[in-house]
Amino acid sequence: MTTKALCSSNPELWFSTKNADKAKAVQICRACPLQDECAQYATDNRIRFGTWGGLTEAARRGRKPRLPKPPAVCGTQLAFWRHRSKRETCNTCEAWHAASVEADRRRRLENEHAKGGTKTGYQLHMRLKEQPCEPCREVNRVACERARQRRAAARSVA
C-alpha cells in the first residue's frame, strides 16, 4: 500500500515565499505520514527551495546529507538488525543470530563455572536447554530454599 503525501493537493503552498504560507506548510507537514522521508529526501538531494518534510529552506541549511547505507550481507549482525527493523524474516540471518546468542551464552556459562557454579549459571543451562551441572543446580537449590523460608517468615509475621 502506498501512502499519499499531504502536500500533493496544493503544491504552490510548499514553494511560497510568504512566511504565513511557509508556517502553514510546516504545520501540514507535521501531520503527514511521509514527513521524515520527505525531509531526508530534500536533505540528501540538496534541494534548496520549498518546504520539505516540515523543514523550510533555512531549517535544512544546517542538515547534512545521509551517507548511503552499505549493503548488508545476510548472515551478519548488520543484516540481521536491518531485517528486524523492517520486520522481515531471513532464515540465514535468523540462524546466524541463534548461533551467536548460543555462543554468547556458552561463553557466559564458562565464566559462571569459573566462579564454582552460580544461579546465573543455572539459568544459562536452562536457556541452553541442557541439564544443569551439579554446582549450578546446588546453588539454585539453596537459593530457592532461602526464598521459600523468606516467604514463610513473611506470612507468619502478617
Protein backbone atom coordinates (compact mmCIF):
# COMPACT_ATOMS: atom_id res chain seq x y z
CA MET A 1 0.00 0.00 0.00
CA THR A 2 1.39 3.41 -0.99
CA THR A 3 0.81 6.35 1.33
CA LYS A 4 -0.05 9.65 -0.32
CA ALA A 5 1.76 12.76 0.85
CA LEU A 6 -0.46 15.56 2.17
CA CYS A 7 1.35 18.17 0.04
CA SER A 8 0.16 16.64 -3.24
CA SER A 9 -3.15 18.58 -3.07
CA ASN A 10 -1.70 22.13 -3.17
CA PRO A 11 1.97 22.21 -4.27
CA GLU A 12 2.09 26.04 -4.53
CA LEU A 13 1.89 26.35 -0.76
CA TRP A 14 5.19 24.45 -0.29
CA PHE A 15 7.13 26.78 -2.59
CA SER A 16 5.67 30.11 -1.46
CA THR A 17 7.97 32.91 -0.31
CA LYS A 18 5.41 34.26 2.20
CA ASN A 19 6.14 33.46 5.84
CA ALA A 20 2.46 32.73 6.57
CA ASP A 21 2.36 30.14 3.77
CA LYS A 22 5.61 28.56 4.98
CA ALA A 23 4.21 28.28 8.50
CA LYS A 24 1.03 26.65 7.19
CA ALA A 25 3.07 24.21 5.08
CA VAL A 26 5.18 23.25 8.10
CA GLN A 27 2.01 22.69 10.15
CA ILE A 28 0.50 20.43 7.47
CA CYS A 29 3.81 18.52 7.15
CA ARG A 30 3.75 17.65 10.85
CA ALA A 31 0.61 15.53 10.28
CA CYS A 32 1.98 13.82 7.15
CA PRO A 33 2.95 10.13 7.41
CA LEU A 34 5.84 10.76 4.98
CA GLN A 35 7.36 13.70 6.86
CA ASP A 36 10.67 12.04 7.80
CA GLU A 37 11.24 10.51 4.36
CA CYS A 38 10.40 13.80 2.66
CA ALA A 39 12.78 15.84 4.84
CA GLN A 40 15.56 13.30 4.33
CA TYR A 41 14.97 13.29 0.55
CA ALA A 42 15.32 17.08 0.38
CA THR A 43 18.46 16.98 2.52
CA ASP A 44 20.10 14.09 0.64
CA ASN A 45 19.40 15.69 -2.73
CA ARG A 46 20.35 19.19 -1.57
CA ILE A 47 17.05 20.71 -2.66
CA ARG A 48 17.38 24.41 -1.93
CA PHE A 49 13.83 25.71 -2.39
CA GLY A 50 10.48 24.97 -0.76
CA THR A 51 9.24 23.34 2.41
CA TRP A 52 10.00 19.62 2.57
CA GLY A 53 9.10 17.36 5.48
CA GLY A 54 8.25 20.31 7.69
CA LEU A 55 11.64 21.97 7.08
CA THR A 56 11.95 25.32 5.34
CA GLU A 57 15.00 26.28 3.27
CA ALA A 58 16.58 27.90 6.33
CA ALA A 59 15.93 24.87 8.55
CA ARG A 60 17.51 22.49 6.02
CA ARG A 61 20.69 24.53 5.57
CA GLY A 62 22.44 23.04 8.61
CA ARG A 63 21.50 19.43 7.87
CA LYS A 64 24.00 17.14 6.25
CA PRO A 65 23.07 14.53 3.65
CA ARG A 66 22.95 10.99 4.92
CA LEU A 67 25.56 8.66 3.51
CA PRO A 68 24.11 5.69 1.64
CA LYS A 69 23.91 2.56 3.75
CA PRO A 70 26.47 -0.06 2.80
CA PRO A 71 24.98 -3.30 1.55
CA ALA A 72 24.40 -5.84 4.30
CA VAL A 73 25.42 -9.42 3.65
CA CYS A 74 22.96 -11.93 5.10
CA GLY A 75 24.38 -13.91 8.00
CA THR A 76 25.91 -10.84 9.68
CA GLN A 77 24.84 -8.73 12.63
CA LEU A 78 24.18 -5.72 10.40
CA ALA A 79 21.92 -7.69 8.07
CA PHE A 80 20.08 -9.31 10.98
CA TRP A 81 19.22 -5.93 12.55
CA ARG A 82 18.25 -4.42 9.19
CA HIS A 83 15.82 -7.29 8.63
CA ARG A 84 14.47 -6.83 12.17
CA SER A 85 13.97 -3.09 11.68
CA LYS A 86 11.86 -3.83 8.60
CA ARG A 87 10.02 -6.71 10.33
CA GLU A 88 11.42 -9.13 7.75
CA THR A 89 12.43 -12.74 8.29
CA CYS A 90 15.59 -14.15 6.73
CA ASN A 91 16.47 -17.77 7.52
CA THR A 92 20.20 -17.12 7.09
CA CYS A 93 20.17 -14.15 9.45
CA GLU A 94 17.91 -15.91 11.97
CA ALA A 95 20.28 -18.91 12.02
CA TRP A 96 23.28 -16.59 12.45
CA HIS A 97 21.56 -14.79 15.35
CA ALA A 98 20.59 -18.06 17.08
CA ALA A 99 24.19 -19.33 16.79
CA SER A 100 25.54 -16.00 18.03
CA VAL A 101 23.22 -15.99 21.06
CA GLU A 102 24.13 -19.59 21.89
CA ALA A 103 27.87 -18.85 21.63
CA ASP A 104 27.47 -15.84 23.91
CA ARG A 105 25.52 -17.89 26.46
CA ARG A 106 28.17 -20.63 26.40
CA ARG A 107 30.92 -18.04 26.95
CA ARG A 108 28.98 -16.56 29.89
CA LEU A 109 28.37 -20.07 31.28
CA GLU A 110 32.13 -20.73 31.28
CA ASN A 111 32.60 -17.58 33.35
CA GLU A 112 29.93 -18.72 35.82
CA HIS A 113 31.56 -22.15 36.09
CA ALA A 114 34.90 -20.47 36.85
CA LYS A 115 33.16 -19.00 39.92
CA GLY A 116 32.23 -22.52 41.06
CA GLY A 117 28.63 -22.58 39.79
CA THR A 118 26.02 -19.84 40.27
CA LYS A 119 22.31 -19.20 39.99
CA THR A 120 23.04 -17.31 36.74
CA GLY A 121 24.88 -20.43 35.55
CA TYR A 122 21.79 -22.49 36.33
CA GLN A 123 19.60 -20.09 34.31
CA LEU A 124 22.04 -20.22 31.39
CA HIS A 125 21.92 -24.03 31.43
CA MET A 126 18.12 -23.82 31.25
CA ARG A 127 18.18 -21.30 28.38
CA LEU A 128 20.57 -23.59 26.52
CA LYS A 129 18.03 -26.38 27.10
CA GLU A 130 20.55 -28.61 28.83
CA GLN A 131 20.75 -30.38 32.16
CA PRO A 132 22.42 -28.07 34.74
CA CYS A 133 25.73 -29.21 36.21
CA GLU A 134 25.81 -30.23 39.87
CA PRO A 135 27.44 -26.99 41.24
CA CYS A 136 24.92 -24.74 39.45
CA ARG A 137 22.00 -26.99 40.47
CA GLU A 138 23.12 -26.95 44.12
CA VAL A 139 23.47 -23.13 44.20
CA ASN A 140 20.00 -22.78 42.67
CA ARG A 141 18.51 -25.29 45.15
CA VAL A 142 19.96 -23.31 48.09
CA ALA A 143 18.69 -20.00 46.65
CA CYS A 144 15.19 -21.43 46.16
CA GLU A 145 15.16 -22.82 49.70
CA ARG A 146 16.14 -19.40 51.12
CA ALA A 147 13.36 -17.76 49.10
CA ARG A 148 10.83 -20.29 50.48
CA GLN A 149 11.99 -19.55 54.02
CA ARG A 150 11.67 -15.78 53.48
CA ARG A 151 8.13 -16.18 52.10
CA ALA A 152 7.16 -18.42 55.01
CA ALA A 153 8.61 -15.92 57.51
CA ALA A 154 6.74 -13.04 55.82
CA ARG A 155 3.44 -15.00 56.01
CA SER A 156 3.91 -15.84 59.68
CA VAL A 157 4.56 -12.17 60.55
CA ALA A 158 1.47 -10.96 58.68
